[in-house]
Amino acid sequence: MVDGKFPVRAAGVVILITLVFWLVLESGLLGPEKTFRVQQAASNFIEEDIDSDGKTERIWVAEGDARRPSWLIVLKDGRRYVASERIGALSAGFILPKVWEIAPGKKTVGAWYPTEGGGAAIEMFTFEKGAFFQLGSFFGEQGAEVVDLDGDQKAEVILFSTNKDNPAELNAEVYTLRGRKYVFDASLSGGAAAIYDRPTRP
């Protein structure tokens, strides 16, 4: 004779397994591509060859919340997920990834998004040999842009802020690429606001 409590116990086991699985997903142990709800709608990703291997990658931003960070995600070769370092919890809502050509034949990928108070942030990575390498994380109080400022065919990062002595004017900080990092360039920063006086936002 079958114990009448068996179906109840079986249901309890199923509920327990489901709960454990949900907790594992929430913890992020399975990786960001499994943790975050990624909407692969036509407007939510871009496709581009970002590592110059002749193959197109699919790139999108998996957005977190107040507890969990956001990640830049690449679907490599149509089957393998690669996640960047965390890029913070994006509070500005829906964000598309961005690809910049920072030198002839050299591309970077990241996120360029508005922040509260009218500023802009830039998270920038190279993608080489199937892995992300962060070039820099930037915030401009009055905007930020990636542009070739001095005509050398290499893109600089410009961050704009309010001039404390004259609020009607802007200050600019310029960062140039040195190896695998963008570093502050004092020589370009001095006149950057006058040369490039229309900071843009996403």
N, C-alpha and C. Protein backbone atom coordinates (compact mmCIF):
# COMPACT_ATOMS: atom_id res chain seq x y z
N MET A 1 0.85 -1.19 0.00
CA MET A 1 0.00 0.00 0.00
C MET A 1 0.89 1.25 0.00
N VAL A 2 0.53 2.21 -0.85
CA VAL A 2 1.30 3.45 -0.98
C VAL A 2 0.94 4.40 0.15
N ASP A 3 1.94 4.92 0.79
CA ASP A 3 1.74 5.90 1.85
C ASP A 3 1.11 7.16 1.27
N GLY A 4 -0.01 7.59 1.87
CA GLY A 4 -0.71 8.78 1.36
C GLY A 4 0.10 10.04 1.48
N LYS A 5 1.16 9.99 2.29
CA LYS A 5 1.98 11.19 2.45
C LYS A 5 3.03 11.34 1.34
N PHE A 6 3.18 10.28 0.50
CA PHE A 6 4.22 10.32 -0.53
C PHE A 6 4.04 11.48 -1.51
N PRO A 7 2.83 11.69 -2.07
CA PRO A 7 2.66 12.83 -3.00
C PRO A 7 3.00 14.16 -2.36
N VAL A 8 2.67 14.31 -1.07
CA VAL A 8 2.96 15.57 -0.38
C VAL A 8 4.47 15.76 -0.26
N ARG A 9 5.16 14.66 0.11
CA ARG A 9 6.62 14.73 0.23
C ARG A 9 7.27 15.03 -1.12
N ALA A 10 6.78 14.38 -2.16
CA ALA A 10 7.33 14.61 -3.50
C ALA A 10 7.15 16.06 -3.92
N ALA A 11 5.97 16.60 -3.64
CA ALA A 11 5.72 18.00 -3.98
C ALA A 11 6.65 18.92 -3.20
N GLY A 12 6.89 18.56 -1.93
CA GLY A 12 7.81 19.36 -1.12
C GLY A 12 9.22 19.35 -1.67
N VAL A 13 9.67 18.17 -2.14
CA VAL A 13 11.00 18.05 -2.72
C VAL A 13 11.12 18.91 -3.98
N VAL A 14 10.08 18.86 -4.82
CA VAL A 14 10.09 19.66 -6.06
C VAL A 14 10.17 21.15 -5.74
N ILE A 15 9.39 21.58 -4.76
CA ILE A 15 9.41 22.99 -4.36
C ILE A 15 10.78 23.38 -3.83
N LEU A 16 11.39 22.49 -3.02
CA LEU A 16 12.71 22.77 -2.46
C LEU A 16 13.76 22.89 -3.55
N ILE A 17 13.73 21.96 -4.52
CA ILE A 17 14.69 22.00 -5.63
C ILE A 17 14.52 23.28 -6.44
N THR A 18 13.27 23.65 -6.70
CA THR A 18 12.99 24.88 -7.45
C THR A 18 13.52 26.10 -6.72
N LEU A 19 13.33 26.12 -5.40
CA LEU A 19 13.80 27.25 -4.59
C LEU A 19 15.33 27.35 -4.62
N VAL A 20 16.00 26.20 -4.47
CA VAL A 20 17.47 26.20 -4.50
C VAL A 20 17.98 26.68 -5.85
N PHE A 21 17.35 26.20 -6.93
CA PHE A 21 17.76 26.61 -8.28
C PHE A 21 17.60 28.11 -8.46
N TRP A 22 16.48 28.66 -7.97
CA TRP A 22 16.24 30.10 -8.08
C TRP A 22 17.27 30.89 -7.30
N LEU A 23 17.62 30.40 -6.09
CA LEU A 23 18.62 31.09 -5.28
C LEU A 23 19.98 31.08 -5.95
N VAL A 24 20.33 29.97 -6.61
CA VAL A 24 21.60 29.89 -7.33
C VAL A 24 21.63 30.88 -8.48
N LEU A 25 20.51 30.98 -9.21
CA LEU A 25 20.43 31.95 -10.30
C LEU A 25 20.61 33.36 -9.79
N GLU A 26 19.94 33.67 -8.68
CA GLU A 26 20.01 35.01 -8.12
C GLU A 26 21.40 35.33 -7.60
N SER A 27 22.12 34.33 -7.15
CA SER A 27 23.45 34.57 -6.58
C SER A 27 24.49 34.90 -7.63
N GLY A 28 24.21 34.52 -8.89
CA GLY A 28 25.17 34.78 -9.95
C GLY A 28 26.22 33.70 -10.12
N LEU A 29 26.09 32.58 -9.42
CA LEU A 29 27.09 31.53 -9.49
C LEU A 29 27.21 30.92 -10.88
N LEU A 30 26.13 30.99 -11.65
CA LEU A 30 26.16 30.41 -12.99
C LEU A 30 26.67 31.38 -14.04
N GLY A 31 27.05 32.58 -13.63
CA GLY A 31 27.57 33.55 -14.58
C GLY A 31 26.53 34.58 -14.95
N PRO A 32 26.98 35.75 -15.36
CA PRO A 32 26.05 36.85 -15.64
C PRO A 32 25.09 36.57 -16.77
N GLU A 33 25.51 35.74 -17.77
CA GLU A 33 24.59 35.48 -18.87
C GLU A 33 23.40 34.65 -18.43
N LYS A 34 23.53 33.93 -17.31
CA LYS A 34 22.40 33.18 -16.78
C LYS A 34 21.67 33.97 -15.70
N THR A 35 22.37 34.87 -15.04
CA THR A 35 21.79 35.61 -13.93
C THR A 35 20.83 36.70 -14.38
N PHE A 36 21.19 37.43 -15.43
CA PHE A 36 20.40 38.57 -15.85
C PHE A 36 19.41 38.19 -16.94
N ARG A 37 18.29 38.89 -16.92
CA ARG A 37 17.30 38.71 -17.99
C ARG A 37 17.75 39.55 -19.18
N VAL A 38 18.23 38.90 -20.22
CA VAL A 38 18.73 39.60 -21.40
C VAL A 38 17.67 39.54 -22.49
N GLN A 39 17.19 40.69 -22.90
CA GLN A 39 16.18 40.77 -23.95
C GLN A 39 16.89 40.84 -25.30
N GLN A 40 16.85 39.78 -26.04
CA GLN A 40 17.52 39.76 -27.33
C GLN A 40 16.54 40.20 -28.42
N ALA A 41 16.02 41.39 -28.26
CA ALA A 41 15.18 41.98 -29.29
C ALA A 41 16.08 42.66 -30.31
N ALA A 42 15.52 42.98 -31.47
CA ALA A 42 16.33 43.55 -32.55
C ALA A 42 16.99 44.85 -32.14
N SER A 43 16.39 45.57 -31.20
CA SER A 43 16.92 46.87 -30.82
C SER A 43 17.87 46.80 -29.62
N ASN A 44 18.12 45.61 -29.12
CA ASN A 44 18.85 45.50 -27.86
C ASN A 44 20.28 44.99 -28.01
N PHE A 45 20.73 44.73 -29.22
CA PHE A 45 22.11 44.29 -29.39
C PHE A 45 22.68 44.88 -30.67
N ILE A 46 23.99 44.84 -30.76
CA ILE A 46 24.66 45.20 -32.00
C ILE A 46 25.52 44.03 -32.43
N GLU A 47 25.82 43.95 -33.71
CA GLU A 47 26.66 42.88 -34.24
C GLU A 47 27.82 43.51 -35.00
N GLU A 48 29.02 43.16 -34.59
CA GLU A 48 30.21 43.74 -35.22
C GLU A 48 31.42 42.87 -34.89
N ASP A 49 32.39 42.88 -35.79
CA ASP A 49 33.65 42.17 -35.53
C ASP A 49 34.52 43.08 -34.68
N ILE A 50 34.58 42.82 -33.39
CA ILE A 50 35.30 43.71 -32.48
C ILE A 50 36.71 43.23 -32.15
N ASP A 51 37.07 42.03 -32.61
CA ASP A 51 38.43 41.54 -32.33
C ASP A 51 39.22 41.24 -33.60
N SER A 52 38.68 41.70 -34.75
CA SER A 52 39.39 41.60 -36.03
C SER A 52 39.77 40.17 -36.40
N ASP A 53 38.88 39.22 -36.06
CA ASP A 53 39.14 37.83 -36.44
C ASP A 53 38.34 37.42 -37.66
N GLY A 54 37.65 38.37 -38.29
CA GLY A 54 36.85 38.08 -39.47
C GLY A 54 35.48 37.53 -39.18
N LYS A 55 35.12 37.42 -37.89
CA LYS A 55 33.81 36.90 -37.50
C LYS A 55 33.05 37.96 -36.71
N THR A 56 31.75 37.99 -36.92
CA THR A 56 30.91 38.99 -36.25
C THR A 56 30.49 38.49 -34.88
N GLU A 57 30.64 39.35 -33.88
CA GLU A 57 30.16 39.04 -32.53
C GLU A 57 28.84 39.75 -32.27
N ARG A 58 28.04 39.18 -31.41
CA ARG A 58 26.80 39.82 -30.95
C ARG A 58 27.05 40.37 -29.55
N ILE A 59 26.76 41.65 -29.36
CA ILE A 59 27.10 42.33 -28.11
C ILE A 59 25.86 43.00 -27.53
N TRP A 60 25.67 42.86 -26.23
CA TRP A 60 24.61 43.61 -25.57
C TRP A 60 24.99 43.88 -24.12
N VAL A 61 24.22 44.73 -23.47
CA VAL A 61 24.43 45.03 -22.07
C VAL A 61 23.36 44.31 -21.26
N ALA A 62 23.79 43.50 -20.30
CA ALA A 62 22.86 42.85 -19.37
C ALA A 62 22.76 43.75 -18.15
N GLU A 63 21.60 44.34 -17.95
CA GLU A 63 21.46 45.35 -16.91
C GLU A 63 21.10 44.72 -15.57
N GLY A 64 21.75 45.19 -14.53
CA GLY A 64 21.47 44.74 -13.18
C GLY A 64 20.48 45.65 -12.50
N ASP A 65 20.56 45.68 -11.19
CA ASP A 65 19.69 46.56 -10.42
C ASP A 65 20.51 47.11 -9.25
N ALA A 66 19.84 47.58 -8.21
CA ALA A 66 20.55 48.19 -7.08
C ALA A 66 21.48 47.19 -6.39
N ARG A 67 21.16 45.90 -6.47
CA ARG A 67 21.97 44.89 -5.79
C ARG A 67 23.05 44.29 -6.69
N ARG A 68 22.72 44.18 -7.97
CA ARG A 68 23.60 43.45 -8.87
C ARG A 68 24.19 44.38 -9.92
N PRO A 69 25.43 44.17 -10.31
CA PRO A 69 26.04 45.02 -11.31
C PRO A 69 25.53 44.69 -12.71
N SER A 70 25.85 45.56 -13.63
CA SER A 70 25.58 45.28 -15.03
C SER A 70 26.85 44.74 -15.68
N TRP A 71 26.66 44.06 -16.79
CA TRP A 71 27.79 43.46 -17.49
C TRP A 71 27.65 43.71 -18.98
N LEU A 72 28.78 43.81 -19.66
CA LEU A 72 28.80 43.80 -21.11
C LEU A 72 28.99 42.35 -21.53
N ILE A 73 28.11 41.87 -22.41
CA ILE A 73 28.11 40.46 -22.79
C ILE A 73 28.39 40.32 -24.28
N VAL A 74 29.25 39.38 -24.64
CA VAL A 74 29.49 39.04 -26.04
C VAL A 74 29.12 37.58 -26.25
N LEU A 75 28.38 37.33 -27.33
CA LEU A 75 28.11 35.96 -27.74
C LEU A 75 29.12 35.63 -28.83
N LYS A 76 30.10 34.83 -28.48
CA LYS A 76 31.23 34.56 -29.37
C LYS A 76 30.94 33.33 -30.22
N ASP A 77 31.14 33.45 -31.54
CA ASP A 77 30.95 32.34 -32.48
C ASP A 77 29.54 31.78 -32.43
N GLY A 78 28.58 32.58 -31.95
CA GLY A 78 27.20 32.15 -31.93
C GLY A 78 26.85 31.15 -30.86
N ARG A 79 27.78 30.84 -29.94
CA ARG A 79 27.46 29.80 -28.96
C ARG A 79 28.09 30.02 -27.58
N ARG A 80 29.12 30.85 -27.48
CA ARG A 80 29.83 30.99 -26.21
C ARG A 80 29.69 32.40 -25.67
N TYR A 81 29.27 32.52 -24.40
CA TYR A 81 29.12 33.82 -23.76
C TYR A 81 30.43 34.23 -23.09
N VAL A 82 30.77 35.50 -23.23
CA VAL A 82 31.91 36.08 -22.53
C VAL A 82 31.41 37.35 -21.86
N ALA A 83 31.69 37.51 -20.58
CA ALA A 83 31.21 38.68 -19.84
C ALA A 83 32.38 39.57 -19.45
N SER A 84 32.14 40.87 -19.51
CA SER A 84 33.16 41.83 -19.09
C SER A 84 33.23 41.89 -17.58
N GLU A 85 34.14 42.73 -17.09
CA GLU A 85 34.08 43.09 -15.69
C GLU A 85 32.79 43.85 -15.45
N ARG A 86 32.34 43.88 -14.21
CA ARG A 86 31.12 44.60 -13.91
C ARG A 86 31.28 46.07 -14.25
N ILE A 87 30.22 46.70 -14.70
CA ILE A 87 30.27 48.11 -15.06
C ILE A 87 29.30 48.93 -14.23
N GLY A 88 28.94 48.40 -13.04
CA GLY A 88 28.08 49.15 -12.14
C GLY A 88 26.62 48.93 -12.44
N ALA A 89 25.77 49.24 -11.48
CA ALA A 89 24.32 49.15 -11.68
C ALA A 89 23.88 50.38 -12.45
N LEU A 90 23.40 50.18 -13.67
CA LEU A 90 23.03 51.29 -14.53
C LEU A 90 21.63 51.76 -14.16
N SER A 91 21.54 52.98 -13.65
CA SER A 91 20.25 53.50 -13.19
C SER A 91 19.52 54.30 -14.26
N ALA A 92 20.15 54.45 -15.42
CA ALA A 92 19.56 55.30 -16.45
C ALA A 92 18.62 54.54 -17.37
N GLY A 93 18.43 53.25 -17.14
CA GLY A 93 17.48 52.49 -17.94
C GLY A 93 18.15 51.79 -19.11
N PHE A 94 17.39 51.63 -20.19
CA PHE A 94 17.81 50.85 -21.36
C PHE A 94 19.07 51.44 -21.99
N ILE A 95 20.06 50.63 -22.22
CA ILE A 95 21.34 51.10 -22.76
C ILE A 95 21.83 50.14 -23.84
N LEU A 96 22.25 50.71 -24.95
CA LEU A 96 22.87 49.93 -26.01
C LEU A 96 24.38 49.92 -25.84
N PRO A 97 25.04 48.84 -26.24
CA PRO A 97 26.50 48.87 -26.26
C PRO A 97 26.99 49.82 -27.34
N LYS A 98 28.24 50.16 -27.27
CA LYS A 98 28.84 51.11 -28.21
C LYS A 98 30.19 50.58 -28.66
N VAL A 99 30.49 50.75 -29.95
CA VAL A 99 31.80 50.37 -30.49
C VAL A 99 32.48 51.63 -31.01
N TRP A 100 33.74 51.81 -30.61
CA TRP A 100 34.54 52.94 -31.09
C TRP A 100 35.75 52.40 -31.84
N GLU A 101 36.14 53.09 -32.92
CA GLU A 101 37.43 52.80 -33.56
C GLU A 101 38.42 53.82 -33.03
N ILE A 102 39.30 53.40 -32.14
CA ILE A 102 40.18 54.35 -31.45
C ILE A 102 41.52 54.53 -32.15
N ALA A 103 41.78 53.69 -33.15
CA ALA A 103 42.98 53.81 -33.97
C ALA A 103 42.71 53.00 -35.24
N PRO A 104 43.45 53.26 -36.31
CA PRO A 104 43.21 52.48 -37.54
C PRO A 104 43.27 50.98 -37.28
N GLY A 105 42.15 50.29 -37.53
CA GLY A 105 42.10 48.84 -37.34
C GLY A 105 41.96 48.38 -35.91
N LYS A 106 41.79 49.30 -34.96
CA LYS A 106 41.67 48.92 -33.54
C LYS A 106 40.33 49.41 -33.00
N LYS A 107 39.50 48.47 -32.57
CA LYS A 107 38.18 48.79 -32.05
C LYS A 107 38.09 48.51 -30.55
N THR A 108 37.27 49.30 -29.90
CA THR A 108 36.93 49.03 -28.51
C THR A 108 35.42 48.94 -28.39
N VAL A 109 34.97 48.32 -27.32
CA VAL A 109 33.54 48.14 -27.11
C VAL A 109 33.22 48.50 -25.67
N GLY A 110 32.02 49.00 -25.45
CA GLY A 110 31.64 49.36 -24.09
C GLY A 110 30.26 49.94 -24.00
N ALA A 111 30.05 50.74 -22.98
CA ALA A 111 28.76 51.39 -22.75
C ALA A 111 28.99 52.89 -22.61
N TRP A 112 28.10 53.67 -23.22
CA TRP A 112 28.15 55.14 -23.16
C TRP A 112 26.74 55.56 -22.80
N TYR A 113 26.55 56.10 -21.60
CA TYR A 113 25.18 56.28 -21.14
C TYR A 113 25.03 57.54 -20.28
N PRO A 114 23.83 58.13 -20.29
CA PRO A 114 23.59 59.32 -19.47
C PRO A 114 23.49 58.95 -18.00
N THR A 115 23.85 59.89 -17.15
CA THR A 115 23.74 59.69 -15.71
C THR A 115 22.85 60.77 -15.12
N GLU A 116 22.47 60.57 -13.87
CA GLU A 116 21.63 61.56 -13.21
C GLU A 116 22.35 62.90 -13.11
N GLY A 117 21.62 63.98 -13.33
CA GLY A 117 22.20 65.31 -13.24
C GLY A 117 22.76 65.84 -14.54
N GLY A 118 22.54 65.13 -15.64
CA GLY A 118 22.97 65.63 -16.94
C GLY A 118 24.36 65.24 -17.36
N GLY A 119 25.00 64.33 -16.64
CA GLY A 119 26.33 63.90 -17.01
C GLY A 119 26.30 62.71 -17.95
N ALA A 120 27.48 62.16 -18.20
CA ALA A 120 27.59 60.98 -19.05
C ALA A 120 28.74 60.12 -18.56
N ALA A 121 28.60 58.81 -18.72
CA ALA A 121 29.63 57.86 -18.31
C ALA A 121 30.05 57.01 -19.50
N ILE A 122 31.30 56.60 -19.50
CA ILE A 122 31.83 55.73 -20.54
C ILE A 122 32.58 54.58 -19.87
N GLU A 123 32.24 53.36 -20.26
CA GLU A 123 32.99 52.17 -19.86
C GLU A 123 33.56 51.58 -21.13
N MET A 124 34.87 51.38 -21.18
CA MET A 124 35.51 51.01 -22.44
C MET A 124 36.43 49.80 -22.26
N PHE A 125 36.30 48.83 -23.19
CA PHE A 125 37.08 47.60 -23.15
C PHE A 125 37.61 47.27 -24.54
N THR A 126 38.74 46.58 -24.59
CA THR A 126 39.11 45.87 -25.79
C THR A 126 38.66 44.42 -25.62
N PHE A 127 38.45 43.74 -26.74
CA PHE A 127 38.08 42.33 -26.71
C PHE A 127 39.11 41.59 -27.55
N GLU A 128 40.00 40.87 -26.90
CA GLU A 128 41.11 40.20 -27.58
C GLU A 128 41.22 38.75 -27.12
N LYS A 129 41.39 37.86 -28.08
CA LYS A 129 41.58 36.43 -27.79
C LYS A 129 40.48 35.89 -26.88
N GLY A 130 39.24 36.35 -27.11
CA GLY A 130 38.10 35.84 -26.37
C GLY A 130 37.95 36.38 -24.97
N ALA A 131 38.62 37.49 -24.63
CA ALA A 131 38.53 38.04 -23.28
C ALA A 131 38.46 39.56 -23.33
N PHE A 132 37.85 40.15 -22.29
CA PHE A 132 37.77 41.59 -22.16
C PHE A 132 38.97 42.13 -21.38
N PHE A 133 39.43 43.32 -21.79
CA PHE A 133 40.45 44.06 -21.05
C PHE A 133 39.96 45.50 -20.93
N GLN A 134 39.81 45.97 -19.70
CA GLN A 134 39.25 47.30 -19.49
C GLN A 134 40.30 48.38 -19.77
N LEU A 135 39.91 49.34 -20.63
CA LEU A 135 40.78 50.47 -20.94
C LEU A 135 40.53 51.64 -20.02
N GLY A 136 39.32 51.73 -19.47
CA GLY A 136 39.04 52.84 -18.57
C GLY A 136 37.56 52.93 -18.24
N SER A 137 37.28 53.60 -17.12
CA SER A 137 35.92 53.88 -16.66
C SER A 137 35.86 55.37 -16.38
N PHE A 138 34.95 56.09 -17.06
CA PHE A 138 34.98 57.55 -17.05
C PHE A 138 33.62 58.14 -16.71
N PHE A 139 33.65 59.33 -16.10
CA PHE A 139 32.43 60.08 -15.84
C PHE A 139 32.68 61.56 -16.09
N GLY A 140 31.80 62.17 -16.88
CA GLY A 140 31.87 63.61 -17.13
C GLY A 140 30.63 64.28 -16.58
N GLU A 141 30.82 65.18 -15.66
CA GLU A 141 29.69 65.87 -15.01
C GLU A 141 28.80 66.59 -16.03
N GLN A 142 29.41 67.12 -17.09
CA GLN A 142 28.67 67.84 -18.13
C GLN A 142 28.79 67.17 -19.50
N GLY A 143 29.10 65.90 -19.50
CA GLY A 143 29.16 65.16 -20.75
C GLY A 143 30.51 64.50 -20.96
N ALA A 144 30.56 63.58 -21.89
CA ALA A 144 31.79 62.85 -22.21
C ALA A 144 31.73 62.44 -23.67
N GLU A 145 32.89 62.32 -24.28
CA GLU A 145 32.94 61.98 -25.70
C GLU A 145 34.24 61.26 -26.01
N VAL A 146 34.19 60.40 -27.04
CA VAL A 146 35.38 59.74 -27.56
C VAL A 146 35.60 60.30 -28.96
N VAL A 147 36.71 60.99 -29.17
CA VAL A 147 36.94 61.68 -30.44
C VAL A 147 38.45 61.88 -30.64
N ASP A 148 38.87 61.93 -31.91
CA ASP A 148 40.26 62.26 -32.22
C ASP A 148 40.42 63.77 -32.10
N LEU A 149 40.98 64.20 -31.01
CA LEU A 149 41.05 65.63 -30.70
C LEU A 149 42.20 66.34 -31.41
N ASP A 150 43.33 65.64 -31.60
CA ASP A 150 44.52 66.30 -32.13
C ASP A 150 44.91 65.85 -33.54
N GLY A 151 44.04 65.07 -34.20
CA GLY A 151 44.28 64.69 -35.58
C GLY A 151 45.34 63.64 -35.81
N ASP A 152 45.67 62.84 -34.79
CA ASP A 152 46.70 61.81 -34.94
C ASP A 152 46.13 60.45 -35.27
N GLN A 153 44.83 60.40 -35.61
CA GLN A 153 44.11 59.16 -35.95
C GLN A 153 43.94 58.23 -34.76
N LYS A 154 44.12 58.75 -33.56
CA LYS A 154 43.86 57.99 -32.34
C LYS A 154 42.85 58.75 -31.49
N ALA A 155 41.86 58.04 -30.98
CA ALA A 155 40.77 58.69 -30.25
C ALA A 155 41.15 58.96 -28.80
N GLU A 156 40.81 60.14 -28.35
CA GLU A 156 40.95 60.50 -26.94
C GLU A 156 39.58 60.45 -26.26
N VAL A 157 39.58 60.33 -24.95
CA VAL A 157 38.36 60.45 -24.15
C VAL A 157 38.37 61.84 -23.51
N ILE A 158 37.28 62.59 -23.71
CA ILE A 158 37.17 63.93 -23.15
C ILE A 158 36.03 63.94 -22.13
N LEU A 159 36.32 64.44 -20.94
CA LEU A 159 35.33 64.57 -19.87
C LEU A 159 35.12 66.05 -19.58
N PHE A 160 33.86 66.47 -19.55
CA PHE A 160 33.53 67.88 -19.33
C PHE A 160 32.93 68.08 -17.95
N SER A 161 33.32 69.18 -17.32
CA SER A 161 32.78 69.54 -16.01
C SER A 161 32.58 71.05 -15.96
N THR A 162 31.84 71.51 -14.96
CA THR A 162 31.57 72.93 -14.80
C THR A 162 32.81 73.65 -14.28
N ASN A 163 33.10 74.78 -14.87
CA ASN A 163 34.19 75.63 -14.39
C ASN A 163 33.74 76.31 -13.11
N LYS A 164 34.41 76.01 -12.00
CA LYS A 164 33.97 76.54 -10.70
C LYS A 164 34.08 78.06 -10.64
N ASP A 165 35.07 78.64 -11.31
CA ASP A 165 35.25 80.10 -11.29
C ASP A 165 34.28 80.81 -12.22
N ASN A 166 33.89 80.13 -13.30
CA ASN A 166 32.96 80.72 -14.27
C ASN A 166 31.99 79.64 -14.72
N PRO A 167 30.85 79.50 -14.05
CA PRO A 167 29.91 78.41 -14.36
C PRO A 167 29.39 78.42 -15.80
N ALA A 168 29.55 79.53 -16.50
CA ALA A 168 29.11 79.59 -17.90
C ALA A 168 30.08 78.86 -18.82
N GLU A 169 31.27 78.54 -18.33
CA GLU A 169 32.27 77.85 -19.12
C GLU A 169 32.46 76.41 -18.62
N LEU A 170 33.12 75.62 -19.44
CA LEU A 170 33.38 74.23 -19.09
C LEU A 170 34.87 73.97 -18.95
N ASN A 171 35.19 73.06 -18.09
CA ASN A 171 36.54 72.50 -18.02
C ASN A 171 36.55 71.17 -18.76
N ALA A 172 37.71 70.77 -19.23
CA ALA A 172 37.82 69.49 -19.93
C ALA A 172 39.04 68.74 -19.46
N GLU A 173 38.87 67.44 -19.25
CA GLU A 173 39.99 66.54 -18.98
C GLU A 173 40.11 65.59 -20.16
N VAL A 174 41.32 65.42 -20.65
CA VAL A 174 41.55 64.56 -21.80
C VAL A 174 42.40 63.36 -21.37
N TYR A 175 41.99 62.18 -21.83
CA TYR A 175 42.71 60.94 -21.54
C TYR A 175 43.15 60.32 -22.86
N THR A 176 44.41 59.94 -22.95
CA THR A 176 44.94 59.31 -24.15
C THR A 176 45.35 57.87 -23.83
N LEU A 177 45.34 57.04 -24.87
CA LEU A 177 45.63 55.62 -24.68
C LEU A 177 47.14 55.39 -24.58
N ARG A 178 47.53 54.72 -23.51
CA ARG A 178 48.91 54.31 -23.29
C ARG A 178 48.91 52.82 -23.00
N GLY A 179 49.29 52.02 -24.00
CA GLY A 179 49.24 50.58 -23.83
C GLY A 179 47.79 50.11 -23.77
N ARG A 180 47.41 49.55 -22.63
CA ARG A 180 46.03 49.07 -22.47
C ARG A 180 45.23 49.92 -21.50
N LYS A 181 45.65 51.14 -21.26
CA LYS A 181 44.91 52.02 -20.35
C LYS A 181 44.87 53.44 -20.91
N TYR A 182 43.75 54.10 -20.67
CA TYR A 182 43.67 55.53 -20.93
C TYR A 182 44.17 56.27 -19.70
N VAL A 183 45.07 57.22 -19.93
CA VAL A 183 45.66 57.98 -18.82
C VAL A 183 45.47 59.47 -19.07
N PHE A 184 45.45 60.24 -18.00
CA PHE A 184 45.25 61.68 -18.08
C PHE A 184 46.38 62.34 -18.86
N ASP A 185 46.01 63.27 -19.77
CA ASP A 185 46.98 63.99 -20.58
C ASP A 185 46.84 65.48 -20.30
N ALA A 186 47.75 66.01 -19.49
CA ALA A 186 47.66 67.41 -19.09
C ALA A 186 47.87 68.36 -20.26
N SER A 187 48.73 68.00 -21.22
CA SER A 187 49.03 68.89 -22.33
C SER A 187 47.83 69.11 -23.23
N LEU A 188 47.02 68.08 -23.44
CA LEU A 188 45.82 68.22 -24.26
C LEU A 188 44.65 68.80 -23.49
N SER A 189 44.63 68.59 -22.19
CA SER A 189 43.49 69.03 -21.38
C SER A 189 43.36 70.55 -21.34
N GLY A 190 44.49 71.26 -21.36
CA GLY A 190 44.46 72.70 -21.19
C GLY A 190 43.56 73.43 -22.18
N GLY A 191 43.65 73.09 -23.46
CA GLY A 191 42.85 73.81 -24.46
C GLY A 191 41.72 73.01 -25.05
N ALA A 192 41.39 71.86 -24.46
CA ALA A 192 40.40 70.98 -25.07
C ALA A 192 39.01 71.60 -25.11
N ALA A 193 38.62 72.30 -24.05
CA ALA A 193 37.28 72.88 -24.01
C ALA A 193 37.09 73.91 -25.12
N ALA A 194 38.15 74.62 -25.48
CA ALA A 194 38.06 75.61 -26.55
C ALA A 194 38.04 74.95 -27.93
N ILE A 195 38.77 73.85 -28.08
CA ILE A 195 38.83 73.16 -29.37
C ILE A 195 37.54 72.39 -29.63
N TYR A 196 37.05 71.72 -28.61
CA TYR A 196 35.86 70.87 -28.76
C TYR A 196 34.85 71.34 -27.73
N ASP A 197 34.04 72.31 -28.13
CA ASP A 197 33.21 73.01 -27.15
C ASP A 197 31.75 72.56 -27.15
N ARG A 198 31.46 71.42 -27.78
CA ARG A 198 30.08 70.94 -27.77
C ARG A 198 30.05 69.51 -27.26
N PRO A 199 30.17 69.31 -25.98
CA PRO A 199 30.14 67.95 -25.44
C PRO A 199 28.82 67.26 -25.77
N THR A 200 28.90 66.02 -26.12
CA THR A 200 27.71 65.27 -26.50
C THR A 200 27.38 64.22 -25.46
N ARG A 201 26.14 63.81 -25.47
CA ARG A 201 25.65 62.76 -24.58
C ARG A 201 24.96 61.70 -25.41
N PRO A 202 24.82 60.54 -24.88
CA PRO A 202 24.13 59.46 -25.63
C PRO A 202 22.71 59.85 -25.99
